[in-house]
Amino acid sequence: MDVCAEDAEMLFKLLDRDDSGKVSIDEFCQGCLRLKGEAKSFDIHQLMYQNQRLHHKLMEFFSHLDNNFRLLRDHSLMF
């Protein structure tokens, strides 16, 4: 795997599948197999990781909006 020093943090995040802050032997081996190949594989997995994180944050945001709209609706029904 040809990864430059600037990509080390992202490589760690890609290997740390359970977001524990640690890379287990299984995560390391599976991650290396997943990322094996050209640098483009690393780039694709980096995009997938960022997409998953963005999706999670959007779902939290939508849940927050939904809760606020419910509160607003309930409050307006009181008057």
N, C-alpha and C. Protein backbone atom coordinates (compact mmCIF):
# COMPACT_ATOMS: atom_id res chain seq x y z
N MET A 1 0.85 -1.17 0.00
CA MET A 1 0.00 0.00 0.00
C MET A 1 0.90 1.23 0.00
N ASP A 2 0.70 2.09 -0.94
CA ASP A 2 1.51 3.30 -1.06
C ASP A 2 0.69 4.48 -0.55
N VAL A 3 0.87 4.82 0.74
CA VAL A 3 0.11 5.89 1.38
C VAL A 3 1.09 6.93 1.88
N CYS A 4 0.87 8.19 1.51
CA CYS A 4 1.77 9.25 1.96
C CYS A 4 1.45 9.63 3.41
N ALA A 5 2.36 10.34 4.02
CA ALA A 5 2.23 10.70 5.44
C ALA A 5 0.97 11.53 5.70
N GLU A 6 0.57 12.36 4.76
CA GLU A 6 -0.61 13.20 4.93
C GLU A 6 -1.90 12.37 5.03
N ASP A 7 -1.87 11.15 4.49
CA ASP A 7 -3.06 10.29 4.50
C ASP A 7 -3.11 9.35 5.70
N ALA A 8 -2.13 9.44 6.59
CA ALA A 8 -2.04 8.50 7.71
C ALA A 8 -3.27 8.57 8.63
N GLU A 9 -3.73 9.77 8.93
CA GLU A 9 -4.90 9.89 9.81
C GLU A 9 -6.14 9.27 9.17
N MET A 10 -6.34 9.52 7.89
CA MET A 10 -7.48 8.94 7.20
C MET A 10 -7.34 7.42 7.11
N LEU A 11 -6.14 6.95 6.90
CA LEU A 11 -5.91 5.50 6.87
C LEU A 11 -6.31 4.88 8.21
N PHE A 12 -5.94 5.53 9.30
CA PHE A 12 -6.32 5.03 10.62
C PHE A 12 -7.84 4.98 10.77
N LYS A 13 -8.52 6.03 10.34
CA LYS A 13 -9.97 6.07 10.43
C LYS A 13 -10.61 4.98 9.57
N LEU A 14 -10.03 4.73 8.42
CA LEU A 14 -10.57 3.69 7.55
C LEU A 14 -10.37 2.30 8.16
N LEU A 15 -9.27 2.11 8.85
CA LEU A 15 -9.00 0.82 9.48
C LEU A 15 -9.82 0.63 10.75
N ASP A 16 -10.07 1.70 11.48
CA ASP A 16 -10.81 1.65 12.75
C ASP A 16 -12.31 1.63 12.48
N ARG A 17 -12.82 0.48 12.05
CA ARG A 17 -14.21 0.36 11.61
C ARG A 17 -15.22 0.60 12.73
N ASP A 18 -14.89 0.32 13.97
CA ASP A 18 -15.86 0.47 15.07
C ASP A 18 -15.70 1.79 15.82
N ASP A 19 -14.88 2.69 15.29
CA ASP A 19 -14.64 4.02 15.89
C ASP A 19 -14.22 3.94 17.36
N SER A 20 -13.44 2.91 17.71
CA SER A 20 -13.00 2.73 19.08
C SER A 20 -11.75 3.56 19.40
N GLY A 21 -11.11 4.10 18.38
CA GLY A 21 -9.86 4.82 18.59
C GLY A 21 -8.67 3.88 18.57
N LYS A 22 -8.93 2.60 18.35
CA LYS A 22 -7.89 1.58 18.27
C LYS A 22 -8.15 0.72 17.04
N VAL A 23 -7.09 0.18 16.49
CA VAL A 23 -7.21 -0.72 15.34
C VAL A 23 -6.84 -2.12 15.81
N SER A 24 -7.83 -3.00 15.82
CA SER A 24 -7.56 -4.38 16.22
C SER A 24 -6.83 -5.10 15.10
N ILE A 25 -6.31 -6.25 15.40
CA ILE A 25 -5.62 -7.05 14.39
C ILE A 25 -6.58 -7.40 13.26
N ASP A 26 -7.81 -7.78 13.62
CA ASP A 26 -8.81 -8.10 12.59
C ASP A 26 -9.11 -6.89 11.71
N GLU A 27 -9.31 -5.72 12.34
CA GLU A 27 -9.58 -4.51 11.56
C GLU A 27 -8.41 -4.19 10.64
N PHE A 28 -7.19 -4.35 11.16
CA PHE A 28 -6.01 -4.05 10.35
C PHE A 28 -5.93 -4.98 9.15
N CYS A 29 -6.07 -6.28 9.39
CA CYS A 29 -5.97 -7.26 8.30
C CYS A 29 -7.08 -7.07 7.27
N GLN A 30 -8.31 -6.93 7.75
CA GLN A 30 -9.43 -6.73 6.82
C GLN A 30 -9.29 -5.42 6.06
N GLY A 31 -8.85 -4.38 6.76
CA GLY A 31 -8.67 -3.08 6.12
C GLY A 31 -7.59 -3.11 5.06
N CYS A 32 -6.49 -3.78 5.35
CA CYS A 32 -5.40 -3.89 4.37
C CYS A 32 -5.87 -4.64 3.13
N LEU A 33 -6.64 -5.71 3.34
CA LEU A 33 -7.16 -6.45 2.19
C LEU A 33 -8.15 -5.60 1.40
N ARG A 34 -8.97 -4.84 2.11
CA ARG A 34 -9.95 -3.98 1.45
C ARG A 34 -9.27 -2.89 0.64
N LEU A 35 -8.17 -2.36 1.16
CA LEU A 35 -7.49 -1.23 0.52
C LEU A 35 -6.38 -1.67 -0.43
N LYS A 36 -6.16 -2.95 -0.51
CA LYS A 36 -5.09 -3.47 -1.37
C LYS A 36 -5.37 -3.07 -2.81
N GLY A 37 -4.35 -2.69 -3.49
CA GLY A 37 -4.50 -2.30 -4.89
C GLY A 37 -3.93 -0.91 -5.12
N GLU A 38 -4.46 -0.27 -6.12
CA GLU A 38 -3.97 1.05 -6.49
C GLU A 38 -4.38 2.10 -5.48
N ALA A 39 -3.76 3.25 -5.57
CA ALA A 39 -4.10 4.35 -4.68
C ALA A 39 -5.55 4.74 -4.84
N LYS A 40 -6.13 4.49 -6.00
CA LYS A 40 -7.52 4.83 -6.23
C LYS A 40 -8.44 4.10 -5.25
N SER A 41 -8.05 2.89 -4.85
CA SER A 41 -8.84 2.14 -3.88
C SER A 41 -8.90 2.90 -2.55
N PHE A 42 -7.77 3.44 -2.14
CA PHE A 42 -7.72 4.24 -0.91
C PHE A 42 -8.63 5.45 -1.04
N ASP A 43 -8.56 6.13 -2.16
CA ASP A 43 -9.39 7.31 -2.38
C ASP A 43 -10.88 6.97 -2.33
N ILE A 44 -11.24 5.85 -2.94
CA ILE A 44 -12.64 5.43 -2.93
C ILE A 44 -13.10 5.13 -1.52
N HIS A 45 -12.30 4.42 -0.76
CA HIS A 45 -12.67 4.11 0.61
C HIS A 45 -12.70 5.36 1.49
N GLN A 46 -11.84 6.31 1.20
CA GLN A 46 -11.87 7.57 1.93
C GLN A 46 -13.20 8.28 1.66
N LEU A 47 -13.63 8.31 0.41
CA LEU A 47 -14.91 8.92 0.07
C LEU A 47 -16.08 8.19 0.73
N MET A 48 -16.02 6.86 0.74
CA MET A 48 -17.07 6.08 1.38
C MET A 48 -17.15 6.40 2.88
N TYR A 49 -16.00 6.52 3.51
CA TYR A 49 -15.95 6.85 4.94
C TYR A 49 -16.57 8.23 5.18
N GLN A 50 -16.16 9.19 4.40
CA GLN A 50 -16.69 10.54 4.57
C GLN A 50 -18.19 10.57 4.29
N ASN A 51 -18.65 9.79 3.33
CA ASN A 51 -20.06 9.72 3.01
C ASN A 51 -20.85 9.13 4.18
N GLN A 52 -20.33 8.08 4.80
CA GLN A 52 -21.00 7.48 5.95
C GLN A 52 -21.09 8.46 7.10
N ARG A 53 -20.02 9.17 7.36
CA ARG A 53 -20.03 10.16 8.45
C ARG A 53 -21.04 11.27 8.17
N LEU A 54 -21.05 11.75 6.93
CA LEU A 54 -22.00 12.80 6.55
C LEU A 54 -23.43 12.30 6.69
N HIS A 55 -23.69 11.08 6.26
CA HIS A 55 -25.02 10.49 6.38
C HIS A 55 -25.45 10.44 7.84
N HIS A 56 -24.56 10.01 8.71
CA HIS A 56 -24.87 9.93 10.14
C HIS A 56 -25.20 11.32 10.70
N LYS A 57 -24.41 12.32 10.34
CA LYS A 57 -24.64 13.67 10.83
C LYS A 57 -25.95 14.24 10.29
N LEU A 58 -26.27 13.94 9.03
CA LEU A 58 -27.53 14.41 8.46
C LEU A 58 -28.72 13.76 9.16
N MET A 59 -28.62 12.47 9.46
CA MET A 59 -29.71 11.79 10.15
C MET A 59 -29.93 12.39 11.54
N GLU A 60 -28.85 12.72 12.23
CA GLU A 60 -28.98 13.39 13.53
C GLU A 60 -29.65 14.76 13.37
N PHE A 61 -29.26 15.49 12.35
CA PHE A 61 -29.83 16.81 12.10
C PHE A 61 -31.31 16.71 11.78
N PHE A 62 -31.69 15.75 10.91
CA PHE A 62 -33.09 15.58 10.55
C PHE A 62 -33.93 15.18 11.76
N SER A 63 -33.37 14.36 12.62
CA SER A 63 -34.06 13.97 13.84
C SER A 63 -34.29 15.19 14.74
N HIS A 64 -33.26 16.02 14.84
CA HIS A 64 -33.36 17.25 15.62
C HIS A 64 -34.45 18.16 15.04
N LEU A 65 -34.46 18.33 13.72
CA LEU A 65 -35.49 19.15 13.07
C LEU A 65 -36.88 18.59 13.32
N ASP A 66 -37.01 17.29 13.19
CA ASP A 66 -38.30 16.64 13.39
C ASP A 66 -38.81 16.90 14.81
N ASN A 67 -37.93 16.76 15.77
CA ASN A 67 -38.32 17.02 17.17
C ASN A 67 -38.74 18.47 17.38
N ASN A 68 -38.02 19.40 16.78
CA ASN A 68 -38.37 20.81 16.93
C ASN A 68 -39.67 21.15 16.24
N PHE A 69 -39.92 20.55 15.09
CA PHE A 69 -41.20 20.79 14.40
C PHE A 69 -42.36 20.23 15.21
N ARG A 70 -42.16 19.10 15.85
CA ARG A 70 -43.21 18.54 16.72
C ARG A 70 -43.49 19.46 17.89
N LEU A 71 -42.43 19.96 18.50
CA LEU A 71 -42.62 20.90 19.61
C LEU A 71 -43.35 22.16 19.16
N LEU A 72 -42.97 22.67 18.01
CA LEU A 72 -43.61 23.86 17.47
C LEU A 72 -45.09 23.60 17.18
N ARG A 73 -45.37 22.46 16.58
CA ARG A 73 -46.76 22.09 16.27
C ARG A 73 -47.57 21.95 17.56
N ASP A 74 -47.01 21.24 18.52
CA ASP A 74 -47.71 21.04 19.79
C ASP A 74 -47.95 22.36 20.50
N HIS A 75 -46.97 23.22 20.43
CA HIS A 75 -47.11 24.55 21.07
C HIS A 75 -48.19 25.38 20.36
N SER A 76 -48.23 25.33 19.04
CA SER A 76 -49.22 26.11 18.30
C SER A 76 -50.63 25.57 18.50
N LEU A 77 -50.78 24.28 18.77
CA LEU A 77 -52.09 23.70 19.02
C LEU A 77 -52.65 24.13 20.38
N MET A 78 -51.77 24.55 21.25
CA MET A 78 -52.22 24.99 22.58
C MET A 78 -52.92 26.36 22.52
N PHE A 79 -52.67 27.13 21.48
CA PHE A 79 -53.23 28.48 21.39
C PHE A 79 -54.32 28.55 20.40
